[in-house]
Amino acid sequence: DQDFEDTVDFHAAMKSACDTHPGADFTQMKETCDTYFHLAHRDEPRGTGGIFYDRFNSGDWDADFAFTQEVGKQFAEIYPKLVARRMNQT
């Protein structure tokens, strides 16, 4: 499934961002996101998901900011690839 391929690639990018920063637990952040975006009345997820880290605080502001920058960098790298992969589909 093409959407599955996009989801795998997107989550790999987010995991890559987490893997470079101690304390950034991809599994926990993904689960938080999945829970937040779960449509209970349909018993299904809303979209691809991602990571939620709005309460992430390692106690080191500079390290936490670097993590946010890395998440942005990973997103900026993967999203155009996903769009290019699908841009000629109808």
PDB file of N, CA and C in Angstrom:
ATOM      1  N   ASP A   1       0.842  -1.182   0.000  1.00  0.00           N
ATOM      2  CA  ASP A   1       0.000   0.000   0.000  1.00  0.00           C
ATOM      3  C   ASP A   1       0.888   1.247   0.000  1.00  0.00           C
ATOM      4  N   GLN A   2       0.572   2.190  -0.862  1.00  0.00           N
ATOM      5  CA  GLN A   2       1.404   3.385  -1.005  1.00  0.00           C
ATOM      6  C   GLN A   2       1.373   4.264   0.239  1.00  0.00           C
ATOM      7  N   ASP A   3       0.204   4.394   0.842  1.00  0.00           N
ATOM      8  CA  ASP A   3       0.116   5.203   2.057  1.00  0.00           C
ATOM      9  C   ASP A   3       0.967   4.606   3.169  1.00  0.00           C
ATOM     10  N   PHE A   4       1.006   3.292   3.241  1.00  0.00           N
ATOM     11  CA  PHE A   4       1.823   2.621   4.249  1.00  0.00           C
ATOM     12  C   PHE A   4       3.294   2.975   4.058  1.00  0.00           C
ATOM     13  N   GLU A   5       3.752   2.980   2.810  1.00  0.00           N
ATOM     14  CA  GLU A   5       5.142   3.340   2.513  1.00  0.00           C
ATOM     15  C   GLU A   5       5.445   4.760   2.994  1.00  0.00           C
ATOM     16  N   ASP A   6       4.528   5.677   2.745  1.00  0.00           N
ATOM     17  CA  ASP A   6       4.711   7.056   3.200  1.00  0.00           C
ATOM     18  C   ASP A   6       4.759   7.125   4.725  1.00  0.00           C
ATOM     19  N   THR A   7       3.871   6.388   5.366  1.00  0.00           N
ATOM     20  CA  THR A   7       3.821   6.374   6.825  1.00  0.00           C
ATOM     21  C   THR A   7       5.121   5.836   7.410  1.00  0.00           C
ATOM     22  N   VAL A   8       5.612   4.754   6.851  1.00  0.00           N
ATOM     23  CA  VAL A   8       6.868   4.162   7.329  1.00  0.00           C
ATOM     24  C   VAL A   8       8.008   5.163   7.184  1.00  0.00           C
ATOM     25  N   ASP A   9       8.090   5.816   6.033  1.00  0.00           N
ATOM     26  CA  ASP A   9       9.168   6.780   5.799  1.00  0.00           C
ATOM     27  C   ASP A   9       9.053   7.989   6.726  1.00  0.00           C
ATOM     28  N   PHE A  10       7.821   8.478   6.939  1.00  0.00           N
ATOM     29  CA  PHE A  10       7.619   9.626   7.824  1.00  0.00           C
ATOM     30  C   PHE A  10       8.024   9.279   9.255  1.00  0.00           C
ATOM     31  N   HIS A  11       7.577   8.129   9.728  1.00  0.00           N
ATOM     32  CA  HIS A  11       7.917   7.731  11.097  1.00  0.00           C
ATOM     33  C   HIS A  11       9.410   7.455  11.255  1.00  0.00           C
ATOM     34  N   ALA A  12      10.040   6.955  10.219  1.00  0.00           N
ATOM     35  CA  ALA A  12      11.493   6.742  10.273  1.00  0.00           C
ATOM     36  C   ALA A  12      12.216   8.074  10.434  1.00  0.00           C
ATOM     37  N   ALA A  13      11.723   9.108   9.776  1.00  0.00           N
ATOM     38  CA  ALA A  13      12.334  10.433   9.909  1.00  0.00           C
ATOM     39  C   ALA A  13      12.159  10.968  11.330  1.00  0.00           C
ATOM     40  N   MET A  14      10.972  10.796  11.900  1.00  0.00           N
ATOM     41  CA  MET A  14      10.736  11.263  13.265  1.00  0.00           C
ATOM     42  C   MET A  14      11.563  10.452  14.261  1.00  0.00           C
ATOM     43  N   LYS A  15      11.683   9.155  14.022  1.00  0.00           N
ATOM     44  CA  LYS A  15      12.511   8.315  14.894  1.00  0.00           C
ATOM     45  C   LYS A  15      13.966   8.747  14.814  1.00  0.00           C
ATOM     46  N   SER A  16      14.413   9.097  13.629  1.00  0.00           N
ATOM     47  CA  SER A  16      15.788   9.568  13.458  1.00  0.00           C
ATOM     48  C   SER A  16      16.038  10.817  14.301  1.00  0.00           C
ATOM     49  N   ALA A  17      15.075  11.727  14.322  1.00  0.00           N
ATOM     50  CA  ALA A  17      15.211  12.931  15.144  1.00  0.00           C
ATOM     51  C   ALA A  17      15.310  12.555  16.618  1.00  0.00           C
ATOM     52  N   CYS A  18      14.471  11.635  17.056  1.00  0.00           N
ATOM     53  CA  CYS A  18      14.479  11.215  18.461  1.00  0.00           C
ATOM     54  C   CYS A  18      15.766  10.489  18.830  1.00  0.00           C
ATOM     55  N   ASP A  19      16.257   9.675  17.923  1.00  0.00           N
ATOM     56  CA  ASP A  19      17.440   8.865  18.215  1.00  0.00           C
ATOM     57  C   ASP A  19      18.693   9.696  18.465  1.00  0.00           C
ATOM     58  N   THR A  20      18.702  10.922  18.002  1.00  0.00           N
ATOM     59  CA  THR A  20      19.891  11.764  18.169  1.00  0.00           C
ATOM     60  C   THR A  20      19.869  12.572  19.463  1.00  0.00           C
ATOM     61  N   HIS A  21      18.790  12.433  20.247  1.00  0.00           N
ATOM     62  CA  HIS A  21      18.669  13.244  21.467  1.00  0.00           C
ATOM     63  C   HIS A  21      18.302  12.371  22.663  1.00  0.00           C
ATOM     64  N   PRO A  22      19.183  12.300  23.649  1.00  0.00           N
ATOM     65  CA  PRO A  22      18.899  11.507  24.851  1.00  0.00           C
ATOM     66  C   PRO A  22      17.589  11.958  25.509  1.00  0.00           C
ATOM     67  N   GLY A  23      16.789  11.008  25.896  1.00  0.00           N
ATOM     68  CA  GLY A  23      15.534  11.313  26.567  1.00  0.00           C
ATOM     69  C   GLY A  23      14.364  11.503  25.625  1.00  0.00           C
ATOM     70  N   ALA A  24      14.621  11.629  24.340  1.00  0.00           N
ATOM     71  CA  ALA A  24      13.542  11.769  23.363  1.00  0.00           C
ATOM     72  C   ALA A  24      13.106  10.364  22.956  1.00  0.00           C
ATOM     73  N   ASP A  25      12.074   9.882  23.600  1.00  0.00           N
ATOM     74  CA  ASP A  25      11.609   8.505  23.421  1.00  0.00           C
ATOM     75  C   ASP A  25      10.586   8.444  22.287  1.00  0.00           C
ATOM     76  N   PHE A  26      11.032   8.001  21.117  1.00  0.00           N
ATOM     77  CA  PHE A  26      10.155   7.949  19.946  1.00  0.00           C
ATOM     78  C   PHE A  26       8.894   7.141  20.221  1.00  0.00           C
ATOM     79  N   THR A  27       9.039   5.972  20.814  1.00  0.00           N
ATOM     80  CA  THR A  27       7.885   5.102  21.042  1.00  0.00           C
ATOM     81  C   THR A  27       6.842   5.797  21.903  1.00  0.00           C
ATOM     82  N   GLN A  28       7.280   6.419  22.984  1.00  0.00           N
ATOM     83  CA  GLN A  28       6.342   7.111  23.877  1.00  0.00           C
ATOM     84  C   GLN A  28       5.713   8.312  23.179  1.00  0.00           C
ATOM     85  N   MET A  29       6.517   9.084  22.454  1.00  0.00           N
ATOM     86  CA  MET A  29       5.998  10.273  21.767  1.00  0.00           C
ATOM     87  C   MET A  29       5.021   9.890  20.658  1.00  0.00           C
ATOM     88  N   LYS A  30       5.285   8.793  19.970  1.00  0.00           N
ATOM     89  CA  LYS A  30       4.378   8.307  18.926  1.00  0.00           C
ATOM     90  C   LYS A  30       3.077   7.823  19.551  1.00  0.00           C
ATOM     91  N   GLU A  31       3.164   7.077  20.652  1.00  0.00           N
ATOM     92  CA  GLU A  31       1.961   6.586  21.328  1.00  0.00           C
ATOM     93  C   GLU A  31       1.095   7.741  21.811  1.00  0.00           C
ATOM     94  N   THR A  32       1.716   8.789  22.338  1.00  0.00           N
ATOM     95  CA  THR A  32       0.970   9.967  22.781  1.00  0.00           C
ATOM     96  C   THR A  32       0.231  10.591  21.606  1.00  0.00           C
ATOM     97  N   CYS A  33       0.905  10.707  20.481  1.00  0.00           N
ATOM     98  CA  CYS A  33       0.292  11.262  19.278  1.00  0.00           C
ATOM     99  C   CYS A  33      -0.846  10.367  18.784  1.00  0.00           C
ATOM    100  N   ASP A  34      -0.598   9.082  18.731  1.00  0.00           N
ATOM    101  CA  ASP A  34      -1.624   8.145  18.268  1.00  0.00           C
ATOM    102  C   ASP A  34      -2.865   8.200  19.152  1.00  0.00           C
ATOM    103  N   THR A  35      -2.673   8.305  20.448  1.00  0.00           N
ATOM    104  CA  THR A  35      -3.799   8.398  21.374  1.00  0.00           C
ATOM    105  C   THR A  35      -4.581   9.681  21.140  1.00  0.00           C
ATOM    106  N   TYR A  36      -3.878  10.789  20.985  1.00  0.00           N
ATOM    107  CA  TYR A  36      -4.528  12.084  20.786  1.00  0.00           C
ATOM    108  C   TYR A  36      -5.348  12.103  19.499  1.00  0.00           C
ATOM    109  N   PHE A  37      -4.826  11.519  18.441  1.00  0.00           N
ATOM    110  CA  PHE A  37      -5.496  11.573  17.143  1.00  0.00           C
ATOM    111  C   PHE A  37      -6.356  10.341  16.846  1.00  0.00           C
ATOM    112  N   HIS A  38      -6.700   9.582  17.868  1.00  0.00           N
ATOM    113  CA  HIS A  38      -7.576   8.424  17.679  1.00  0.00           C
ATOM    114  C   HIS A  38      -9.030   8.886  17.684  1.00  0.00           C
ATOM    115  N   LEU A  39      -9.781   8.502  16.646  1.00  0.00           N
ATOM    116  CA  LEU A  39     -11.206   8.824  16.574  1.00  0.00           C
ATOM    117  C   LEU A  39     -11.983   7.693  17.241  1.00  0.00           C
ATOM    118  N   ALA A  40     -12.374   7.924  18.475  1.00  0.00           N
ATOM    119  CA  ALA A  40     -13.023   6.865  19.255  1.00  0.00           C
ATOM    120  C   ALA A  40     -14.333   6.411  18.621  1.00  0.00           C
ATOM    121  N   HIS A  41     -15.115   7.342  18.080  1.00  0.00           N
ATOM    122  CA  HIS A  41     -16.413   6.974  17.514  1.00  0.00           C
ATOM    123  C   HIS A  41     -16.282   6.145  16.234  1.00  0.00           C
ATOM    124  N   ARG A  42     -15.121   6.191  15.608  1.00  0.00           N
ATOM    125  CA  ARG A  42     -14.867   5.363  14.420  1.00  0.00           C
ATOM    126  C   ARG A  42     -13.857   4.252  14.708  1.00  0.00           C
ATOM    127  N   ASP A  43     -13.268   4.308  15.873  1.00  0.00           N
ATOM    128  CA  ASP A  43     -12.217   3.365  16.272  1.00  0.00           C
ATOM    129  C   ASP A  43     -11.124   3.271  15.212  1.00  0.00           C
ATOM    130  N   GLU A  44     -10.626   4.467  14.815  1.00  0.00           N
ATOM    131  CA  GLU A  44      -9.570   4.528  13.805  1.00  0.00           C
ATOM    132  C   GLU A  44      -8.682   5.739  14.055  1.00  0.00           C
ATOM    133  N   PRO A  45      -7.469   5.684  13.535  1.00  0.00           N
ATOM    134  CA  PRO A  45      -6.578   6.844  13.676  1.00  0.00           C
ATOM    135  C   PRO A  45      -6.990   7.961  12.725  1.00  0.00           C
ATOM    136  N   ARG A  46      -6.623   9.159  13.062  1.00  0.00           N
ATOM    137  CA  ARG A  46      -6.854  10.307  12.189  1.00  0.00           C
ATOM    138  C   ARG A  46      -5.514  10.676  11.570  1.00  0.00           C
ATOM    139  N   GLY A  47      -5.284  10.221  10.364  1.00  0.00           N
ATOM    140  CA  GLY A  47      -4.055  10.556   9.666  1.00  0.00           C
ATOM    141  C   GLY A  47      -2.910   9.616   9.991  1.00  0.00           C
ATOM    142  N   THR A  48      -1.755  10.016   9.546  1.00  0.00           N
ATOM    143  CA  THR A  48      -0.540   9.218   9.671  1.00  0.00           C
ATOM    144  C   THR A  48       0.020   9.228  11.079  1.00  0.00           C
ATOM    145  N   GLY A  49      -0.227  10.291  11.804  1.00  0.00           N
ATOM    146  CA  GLY A  49       0.341  10.409  13.138  1.00  0.00           C
ATOM    147  C   GLY A  49       1.670  11.131  13.097  1.00  0.00           C
ATOM    148  N   GLY A  50       2.471  10.887  14.065  1.00  0.00           N
ATOM    149  CA  GLY A  50       3.754  11.567  14.181  1.00  0.00           C
ATOM    150  C   GLY A  50       4.253  11.419  15.598  1.00  0.00           C
ATOM    151  N   ILE A  51       4.741  12.511  16.156  1.00  0.00           N
ATOM    152  CA  ILE A  51       5.187  12.502  17.550  1.00  0.00           C
ATOM    153  C   ILE A  51       4.608  13.721  18.259  1.00  0.00           C
ATOM    154  N   PHE A  52       4.276  13.543  19.523  1.00  0.00           N
ATOM    155  CA  PHE A  52       3.858  14.643  20.391  1.00  0.00           C
ATOM    156  C   PHE A  52       4.916  14.779  21.471  1.00  0.00           C
ATOM    157  N   TYR A  53       5.417  15.985  21.630  1.00  0.00           N
ATOM    158  CA  TYR A  53       6.415  16.193  22.680  1.00  0.00           C
ATOM    159  C   TYR A  53       6.241  17.561  23.326  1.00  0.00           C
ATOM    160  N   ASP A  54       5.000  18.023  23.400  1.00  0.00           N
ATOM    161  CA  ASP A  54       4.750  19.348  23.955  1.00  0.00           C
ATOM    162  C   ASP A  54       5.096  19.458  25.432  1.00  0.00           C
ATOM    163  N   ARG A  55       5.191  18.352  26.133  1.00  0.00           N
ATOM    164  CA  ARG A  55       5.586  18.386  27.546  1.00  0.00           C
ATOM    165  C   ARG A  55       7.027  17.898  27.753  1.00  0.00           C
ATOM    166  N   PHE A  56       7.748  17.714  26.669  1.00  0.00           N
ATOM    167  CA  PHE A  56       9.136  17.254  26.752  1.00  0.00           C
ATOM    168  C   PHE A  56       9.999  18.341  27.374  1.00  0.00           C
ATOM    169  N   ASN A  57      10.698  17.985  28.439  1.00  0.00           N
ATOM    170  CA  ASN A  57      11.574  18.936  29.115  1.00  0.00           C
ATOM    171  C   ASN A  57      12.681  18.142  29.797  1.00  0.00           C
ATOM    172  N   SER A  58      13.835  18.149  29.175  1.00  0.00           N
ATOM    173  CA  SER A  58      14.963  17.400  29.735  1.00  0.00           C
ATOM    174  C   SER A  58      15.668  18.175  30.844  1.00  0.00           C
ATOM    175  N   GLY A  59      15.285  19.451  30.996  1.00  0.00           N
ATOM    176  CA  GLY A  59      15.979  20.306  31.949  1.00  0.00           C
ATOM    177  C   GLY A  59      17.117  21.083  31.309  1.00  0.00           C
ATOM    178  N   ASP A  60      17.360  20.816  30.044  1.00  0.00           N
ATOM    179  CA  ASP A  60      18.416  21.504  29.294  1.00  0.00           C
ATOM    180  C   ASP A  60      17.761  22.193  28.101  1.00  0.00           C
ATOM    181  N   TRP A  61      17.475  23.488  28.261  1.00  0.00           N
ATOM    182  CA  TRP A  61      16.746  24.232  27.233  1.00  0.00           C
ATOM    183  C   TRP A  61      17.440  24.150  25.884  1.00  0.00           C
ATOM    184  N   ASP A  62      18.738  24.309  25.850  1.00  0.00           N
ATOM    185  CA  ASP A  62      19.468  24.275  24.580  1.00  0.00           C
ATOM    186  C   ASP A  62      19.341  22.909  23.898  1.00  0.00           C
ATOM    187  N   ALA A  63      19.430  21.846  24.663  1.00  0.00           N
ATOM    188  CA  ALA A  63      19.292  20.500  24.095  1.00  0.00           C
ATOM    189  C   ALA A  63      17.870  20.270  23.584  1.00  0.00           C
ATOM    190  N   ASP A  64      16.881  20.759  24.345  1.00  0.00           N
ATOM    191  CA  ASP A  64      15.493  20.603  23.917  1.00  0.00           C
ATOM    192  C   ASP A  64      15.220  21.408  22.650  1.00  0.00           C
ATOM    193  N   PHE A  65      15.783  22.591  22.563  1.00  0.00           N
ATOM    194  CA  PHE A  65      15.625  23.404  21.355  1.00  0.00           C
ATOM    195  C   PHE A  65      16.312  22.726  20.171  1.00  0.00           C
ATOM    196  N   ALA A  66      17.475  22.142  20.407  1.00  0.00           N
ATOM    197  CA  ALA A  66      18.179  21.412  19.346  1.00  0.00           C
ATOM    198  C   ALA A  66      17.326  20.232  18.864  1.00  0.00           C
ATOM    199  N   PHE A  67      16.617  19.588  19.782  1.00  0.00           N
ATOM    200  CA  PHE A  67      15.723  18.498  19.402  1.00  0.00           C
ATOM    201  C   PHE A  67      14.602  19.015  18.503  1.00  0.00           C
ATOM    202  N   THR A  68      13.989  20.118  18.891  1.00  0.00           N
ATOM    203  CA  THR A  68      12.928  20.703  18.067  1.00  0.00           C
ATOM    204  C   THR A  68      13.463  21.074  16.688  1.00  0.00           C
ATOM    205  N   GLN A  69      14.665  21.611  16.646  1.00  0.00           N
ATOM    206  CA  GLN A  69      15.271  21.931  15.353  1.00  0.00           C
ATOM    207  C   GLN A  69      15.492  20.666  14.529  1.00  0.00           C
ATOM    208  N   GLU A  70      15.907  19.589  15.166  1.00  0.00           N
ATOM    209  CA  GLU A  70      16.131  18.327  14.453  1.00  0.00           C
ATOM    210  C   GLU A  70      14.819  17.757  13.921  1.00  0.00           C
ATOM    211  N   VAL A  71      13.756  17.861  14.707  1.00  0.00           N
ATOM    212  CA  VAL A  71      12.441  17.420  14.225  1.00  0.00           C
ATOM    213  C   VAL A  71      12.068  18.223  12.978  1.00  0.00           C
ATOM    214  N   GLY A  72      12.262  19.533  13.031  1.00  0.00           N
ATOM    215  CA  GLY A  72      11.974  20.376  11.873  1.00  0.00           C
ATOM    216  C   GLY A  72      12.823  20.020  10.670  1.00  0.00           C
ATOM    217  N   LYS A  73      14.086  19.758  10.909  1.00  0.00           N
ATOM    218  CA  LYS A  73      14.997  19.379   9.820  1.00  0.00           C
ATOM    219  C   LYS A  73      14.550  18.072   9.175  1.00  0.00           C
ATOM    220  N   GLN A  74      14.225  17.092  10.000  1.00  0.00           N
ATOM    221  CA  GLN A  74      13.775  15.803   9.468  1.00  0.00           C
ATOM    222  C   GLN A  74      12.470  15.953   8.685  1.00  0.00           C
ATOM    223  N   PHE A  75      11.562  16.775   9.203  1.00  0.00           N
ATOM    224  CA  PHE A  75      10.302  17.012   8.497  1.00  0.00           C
ATOM    225  C   PHE A  75      10.566  17.688   7.152  1.00  0.00           C
ATOM    226  N   ALA A  76      11.433  18.700   7.161  1.00  0.00           N
ATOM    227  CA  ALA A  76      11.750  19.433   5.928  1.00  0.00           C
ATOM    228  C   ALA A  76      12.422  18.540   4.890  1.00  0.00           C
ATOM    229  N   GLU A  77      13.101  17.505   5.334  1.00  0.00           N
ATOM    230  CA  GLU A  77      13.740  16.576   4.399  1.00  0.00           C
ATOM    231  C   GLU A  77      12.761  15.531   3.867  1.00  0.00           C
ATOM    232  N   ILE A  78      11.891  14.999   4.708  1.00  0.00           N
ATOM    233  CA  ILE A  78      11.026  13.898   4.278  1.00  0.00           C
ATOM    234  C   ILE A  78       9.776  14.384   3.557  1.00  0.00           C
ATOM    235  N   TYR A  79       9.187  15.496   3.977  1.00  0.00           N
ATOM    236  CA  TYR A  79       7.899  15.893   3.402  1.00  0.00           C
ATOM    237  C   TYR A  79       7.960  16.149   1.898  1.00  0.00           C
ATOM    238  N   PRO A  80       8.947  16.882   1.386  1.00  0.00           N
ATOM    239  CA  PRO A  80       9.010  17.064  -0.073  1.00  0.00           C
ATOM    240  C   PRO A  80       9.158  15.738  -0.830  1.00  0.00           C
ATOM    241  N   LYS A  81       9.843  14.778  -0.240  1.00  0.00           N
ATOM    242  CA  LYS A  81       9.982  13.466  -0.881  1.00  0.00           C
ATOM    243  C   LYS A  81       8.627  12.764  -0.961  1.00  0.00           C
ATOM    244  N   LEU A  82       7.843  12.871   0.102  1.00  0.00           N
ATOM    245  CA  LEU A  82       6.520  12.248   0.107  1.00  0.00           C
ATOM    246  C   LEU A  82       5.600  12.922  -0.904  1.00  0.00           C
ATOM    247  N   VAL A  83       5.653  14.241  -0.961  1.00  0.00           N
ATOM    248  CA  VAL A  83       4.830  14.978  -1.929  1.00  0.00           C
ATOM    249  C   VAL A  83       5.245  14.626  -3.354  1.00  0.00           C
ATOM    250  N   ALA A  84       6.540  14.628  -3.624  1.00  0.00           N
ATOM    251  CA  ALA A  84       7.028  14.309  -4.974  1.00  0.00           C
ATOM    252  C   ALA A  84       6.606  12.903  -5.390  1.00  0.00           C
ATOM    253  N   ARG A  85       6.594  11.997  -4.448  1.00  0.00           N
ATOM    254  CA  ARG A  85       6.217  10.612  -4.728  1.00  0.00           C
ATOM    255  C   ARG A  85       4.763  10.518  -5.199  1.00  0.00           C
ATOM    256  N   ARG A  86       3.915  11.417  -4.732  1.00  0.00           N
ATOM    257  CA  ARG A  86       2.470  11.329  -4.995  1.00  0.00           C
ATOM    258  C   ARG A  86       1.929  12.441  -5.893  1.00  0.00           C
ATOM    259  N   MET A  87       2.742  13.406  -6.290  1.00  0.00           N
ATOM    260  CA  MET A  87       2.211  14.610  -6.934  1.00  0.00           C
ATOM    261  C   MET A  87       1.547  14.365  -8.289  1.00  0.00           C
ATOM    262  N   ASN A  88       1.815  13.278  -8.940  1.00  0.00           N
ATOM    263  CA  ASN A  88       1.189  13.012 -10.233  1.00  0.00           C
ATOM    264  C   ASN A  88       0.032  12.024 -10.143  1.00  0.00           C
ATOM    265  N   GLN A  89      -0.372  11.720  -8.938  1.00  0.00           N
ATOM    266  CA  GLN A  89      -1.512  10.821  -8.746  1.00  0.00           C
ATOM    267  C   GLN A  89      -2.801  11.626  -8.758  1.00  0.00           C
ATOM    268  N   THR A  90      -3.854  10.985  -9.184  1.00  0.00           N
ATOM    269  CA  THR A  90      -5.152  11.668  -9.163  1.00  0.00           C
ATOM    270  C   THR A  90      -6.043  11.072  -8.115  1.00  0.00           C
TER     271      THR A  90
END
